Amino acid sequence: MKSSVGSTFVKQRKEIRCKKGQQFIMEGAAVTGLFFVLKGKVKVLRTGLHGKEQIVRFAKEGEIIGHRGFGTEESYTISAVALEDCTLCYFSKENLQEILRTEPTFTYDLMLFYANELNKSEAKVKTLSQMSVRERVIDTLLYVHRKFGQQHNFISILLSRREYADYAGTTEEQVIRVFSALKKEDLIVTKGKHIGINDTSLLQQEISEHNFYLDS
């Protein structure tokens, strides 16, 4: 943003530090603004059927959180929790509304971002409805691997089996069974909560018909 308005907007940002496990957006709370992840990893979740927690996505540095509640909505439709110590950049709703009114390039870019998010969300819903439990767990593993990468033979984020289940839309017990089967088939390796993928192409083959690459 090169204009004076854009510069003023950037100066109005606030940096917020969150400890691991700290919730900084609460589902149902009044929308106050948007968050950008400057450092760290975050899980975004919402309440599903029968009050069950469902992880919608994971976010890392450079990603935006809280955008689905921004606009005409009066309350956040999701919650957000830090998976590790995080630094967040916060812009108030009032500041964002001002920049949207005065910066057409920013407004256009945000519109494209929303359109892309909607397309990915619709594709995910369609795909998951056609997947078996094993395929959903594999899809989750590949998604987390694409999102955060792998270091020292293990995916570089430590998630619980419950968190894998909450994203895959299944139970913790089912995730444990699938992980055990994948380990016996030498497709993954585990060490405590740490998981490593031996050959991503072999896992990709199992769900290739579902276009695993749509969600990143």
Protein backbone atom coordinates (compact mmCIF):
# COMPACT_ATOMS: atom_id res chain seq x y z
CA MET A 1 0.00 0.00 0.00
CA LYS A 2 1.78 3.07 -1.25
CA SER A 3 -0.83 5.75 -0.57
CA SER A 4 -0.95 7.86 2.59
CA VAL A 5 -4.21 6.14 3.51
CA GLY A 6 -2.54 2.75 3.18
CA SER A 7 0.41 3.89 5.28
CA THR A 8 -1.94 5.14 7.99
CA PHE A 9 -3.76 1.82 7.91
CA VAL A 10 -0.56 -0.14 8.43
CA LYS A 11 0.41 2.10 11.34
CA GLN A 12 -2.89 1.35 13.04
CA ARG A 13 -2.16 -2.34 13.34
CA LYS A 14 -1.62 -3.95 16.73
CA GLU A 15 0.65 -6.85 17.53
CA ILE A 16 -0.70 -9.47 19.90
CA ARG A 17 1.28 -12.29 21.47
CA CYS A 18 -0.47 -15.55 22.33
CA LYS A 19 0.81 -18.45 24.38
CA LYS A 20 0.42 -22.04 23.23
CA GLY A 21 -3.16 -23.14 23.85
CA GLN A 22 -4.49 -19.58 24.15
CA GLN A 23 -7.78 -18.83 22.37
CA PHE A 24 -7.87 -15.43 20.67
CA ILE A 25 -11.14 -15.72 18.71
CA MET A 26 -14.25 -17.14 20.33
CA GLU A 27 -17.07 -18.51 18.20
CA GLY A 28 -20.19 -16.39 18.67
CA ALA A 29 -18.31 -13.36 20.00
CA ALA A 30 -18.84 -9.96 18.36
CA VAL A 31 -16.61 -9.35 15.35
CA THR A 32 -13.93 -6.78 16.16
CA GLY A 33 -11.45 -7.22 13.30
CA LEU A 34 -9.06 -9.49 11.43
CA PHE A 35 -5.91 -11.30 12.51
CA PHE A 36 -2.81 -12.13 10.48
CA VAL A 37 -0.30 -14.70 11.70
CA LEU A 38 3.15 -13.12 11.89
CA LYS A 39 4.77 -16.04 13.67
CA GLY A 40 3.54 -19.42 14.84
CA LYS A 41 0.81 -21.92 14.04
CA VAL A 42 -2.92 -21.76 14.74
CA LYS A 43 -5.92 -24.07 14.52
CA VAL A 44 -9.27 -22.69 13.37
CA LEU A 45 -12.33 -24.55 14.59
CA ARG A 46 -16.09 -24.42 14.91
CA THR A 47 -18.79 -26.28 16.79
CA GLY A 48 -20.40 -29.06 14.75
CA LEU A 49 -23.28 -31.42 15.38
CA HIS A 50 -24.02 -32.31 19.02
CA GLY A 51 -21.49 -29.72 20.16
CA LYS A 52 -18.52 -31.63 18.72
CA GLU A 53 -15.45 -29.55 17.96
CA GLN A 54 -14.45 -29.55 14.28
CA ILE A 55 -11.14 -28.17 13.03
CA VAL A 56 -11.80 -26.20 9.86
CA ARG A 57 -8.18 -25.56 8.94
CA PHE A 58 -4.72 -24.83 10.24
CA ALA A 59 -2.94 -21.53 9.67
CA LYS A 60 0.70 -20.48 9.62
CA GLU A 61 2.78 -17.35 9.07
CA GLY A 62 1.28 -14.94 6.54
CA GLU A 63 -2.27 -16.28 6.73
CA ILE A 64 -5.45 -14.45 7.69
CA ILE A 65 -7.90 -15.53 10.40
CA GLY A 66 -11.37 -14.27 11.18
CA HIS A 67 -12.22 -13.13 7.66
CA ARG A 68 -15.42 -15.18 7.44
CA GLY A 69 -16.93 -13.19 10.26
CA PHE A 70 -15.95 -9.89 8.70
CA GLY A 71 -18.43 -7.89 6.62
CA THR A 72 -22.15 -8.17 7.30
CA GLU A 73 -21.74 -10.76 10.07
CA GLU A 74 -22.02 -9.50 13.64
CA SER A 75 -20.30 -12.47 15.31
CA TYR A 76 -17.41 -14.80 14.54
CA THR A 77 -18.44 -18.14 13.07
CA ILE A 78 -15.19 -19.79 14.18
CA SER A 79 -12.79 -19.98 17.11
CA ALA A 80 -9.01 -19.79 16.87
CA VAL A 81 -6.41 -21.26 19.21
CA ALA A 82 -2.61 -20.97 19.15
CA LEU A 83 -0.88 -24.32 18.59
CA GLU A 84 2.38 -22.78 19.77
CA ASP A 85 3.53 -19.37 20.99
CA CYS A 86 2.33 -16.93 18.31
CA THR A 87 2.64 -13.32 17.25
CA LEU A 88 -0.46 -11.94 15.56
CA CYS A 89 -1.14 -8.74 13.66
CA TYR A 90 -4.58 -7.30 14.39
CA PHE A 91 -6.59 -4.74 12.41
CA SER A 92 -9.86 -3.43 13.83
CA LYS A 93 -13.10 -3.70 11.87
CA GLU A 94 -13.33 0.09 11.68
CA ASN A 95 -9.85 0.40 10.16
CA LEU A 96 -10.61 -2.32 7.61
CA GLN A 97 -13.88 -0.72 6.59
CA GLU A 98 -12.07 2.56 6.02
CA ILE A 99 -9.38 1.00 3.84
CA LEU A 100 -11.97 -0.91 1.82
CA ARG A 101 -13.75 2.33 1.05
CA THR A 102 -10.61 4.16 -0.01
CA GLU A 103 -8.28 1.55 -1.55
CA PRO A 104 -9.87 -0.20 -4.58
CA THR A 105 -6.83 -2.41 -5.20
CA PHE A 106 -6.96 -3.78 -1.67
CA THR A 107 -10.73 -4.28 -1.98
CA TYR A 108 -10.30 -6.16 -5.26
CA ASP A 109 -7.56 -8.40 -3.83
CA LEU A 110 -9.71 -9.20 -0.80
CA MET A 111 -12.65 -10.06 -3.08
CA LEU A 112 -10.47 -12.52 -5.01
CA PHE A 113 -9.27 -14.00 -1.73
CA TYR A 114 -12.87 -14.58 -0.58
CA ALA A 115 -13.79 -16.16 -3.93
CA ASN A 116 -10.84 -18.55 -3.70
CA GLU A 117 -11.69 -19.47 -0.10
CA LEU A 118 -15.29 -20.20 -1.10
CA ASN A 119 -14.19 -22.45 -3.96
CA LYS A 120 -11.86 -24.42 -1.69
CA SER A 121 -14.52 -24.76 0.99
CA GLU A 122 -17.12 -26.08 -1.46
CA ALA A 123 -14.61 -28.52 -3.01
CA LYS A 124 -13.65 -29.80 0.46
CA VAL A 125 -17.26 -30.46 1.49
CA LYS A 126 -17.92 -32.38 -1.72
CA THR A 127 -14.72 -34.39 -1.48
CA LEU A 128 -15.05 -35.38 2.19
CA SER A 129 -18.58 -36.66 1.63
CA GLN A 130 -17.20 -39.19 -0.86
CA MET A 131 -14.24 -40.38 1.22
CA SER A 132 -13.93 -43.38 3.52
CA VAL A 133 -12.51 -42.90 7.02
CA ARG A 134 -9.10 -44.15 5.88
CA GLU A 135 -9.12 -41.73 2.95
CA ARG A 136 -10.11 -38.78 5.16
CA VAL A 137 -7.28 -39.54 7.58
CA ILE A 138 -4.80 -39.83 4.70
CA ASP A 139 -6.10 -36.57 3.24
CA THR A 140 -5.58 -34.91 6.62
CA LEU A 141 -2.02 -36.21 6.87
CA LEU A 142 -1.19 -34.92 3.40
CA TYR A 143 -2.82 -31.56 4.11
CA VAL A 144 -0.82 -31.07 7.32
CA HIS A 145 2.34 -32.20 5.52
CA ARG A 146 1.76 -29.71 2.67
CA LYS A 147 0.94 -26.92 5.08
CA PHE A 148 3.87 -27.29 7.48
CA GLY A 149 6.42 -29.52 5.76
CA GLN A 150 8.60 -32.21 7.29
CA GLN A 151 11.86 -31.91 9.25
CA HIS A 152 14.10 -34.68 10.51
CA ASN A 153 11.72 -37.25 8.96
CA PHE A 154 8.69 -35.97 10.89
CA ILE A 155 5.94 -33.47 10.07
CA SER A 156 7.05 -30.17 11.61
CA ILE A 157 3.99 -29.63 13.76
CA LEU A 158 2.99 -31.70 16.77
CA LEU A 159 -0.72 -32.52 16.72
CA SER A 160 -2.65 -34.88 18.95
CA ARG A 161 -4.59 -37.81 17.51
CA ARG A 162 -7.70 -35.94 18.65
CA GLU A 163 -6.76 -32.94 16.50
CA TYR A 164 -6.21 -35.15 13.46
CA ALA A 165 -9.65 -36.66 14.12
CA ASP A 166 -11.30 -33.25 14.54
CA TYR A 167 -10.04 -32.18 11.12
CA ALA A 168 -10.78 -35.49 9.39
CA GLY A 169 -14.32 -35.60 10.77
CA THR A 170 -13.91 -38.92 12.56
CA THR A 171 -13.05 -40.26 16.02
CA GLU A 172 -9.73 -40.43 17.80
CA GLU A 173 -10.05 -44.24 17.92
CA GLN A 174 -10.48 -44.41 14.13
CA VAL A 175 -7.41 -42.22 13.60
CA ILE A 176 -5.35 -44.49 15.86
CA ARG A 177 -6.50 -47.54 13.88
CA VAL A 178 -5.69 -45.95 10.52
CA PHE A 179 -2.29 -44.74 11.73
CA SER A 180 -1.54 -48.24 13.01
CA ALA A 181 -2.46 -49.73 9.63
CA LEU A 182 -0.41 -47.15 7.71
CA LYS A 183 2.56 -47.84 9.97
CA LYS A 184 2.31 -51.60 9.36
CA GLU A 185 2.17 -50.91 5.62
CA ASP A 186 5.37 -48.84 6.01
CA LEU A 187 3.63 -45.72 4.71
CA ILE A 188 4.28 -43.66 7.84
CA VAL A 189 6.57 -43.70 10.85
CA THR A 190 5.63 -42.55 14.35
CA LYS A 191 7.47 -41.53 17.47
CA GLY A 192 5.11 -40.53 20.26
CA LYS A 193 2.85 -37.87 18.76
CA HIS A 194 5.31 -37.23 15.94
CA ILE A 195 4.40 -38.60 12.50
CA GLY A 196 6.51 -38.87 9.38
CA ILE A 197 5.45 -39.79 5.85
CA ASN A 198 7.84 -42.20 4.12
CA ASP A 199 6.60 -41.54 0.58
CA THR A 200 3.91 -38.91 -0.04
CA SER A 201 3.28 -40.19 -3.58
CA LEU A 202 2.07 -43.55 -2.26
CA LEU A 203 -0.46 -41.85 0.00
CA GLN A 204 -1.49 -39.48 -2.79
CA GLN A 205 -2.28 -42.45 -5.02
CA GLU A 206 -4.87 -43.70 -2.52
CA ILE A 207 -6.92 -40.52 -2.75
CA SER A 208 -5.91 -39.21 -6.19
CA GLU A 209 -9.47 -39.46 -7.49
CA HIS A 210 -10.56 -36.98 -4.83
CA ASN A 211 -8.15 -34.20 -5.93
CA PHE A 212 -6.20 -34.07 -2.67
CA TYR A 213 -4.34 -30.98 -3.87
CA LEU A 214 -7.36 -28.66 -3.69
CA ASP A 215 -6.82 -27.74 -0.04
CA SER A 216 -3.54 -26.13 0.93
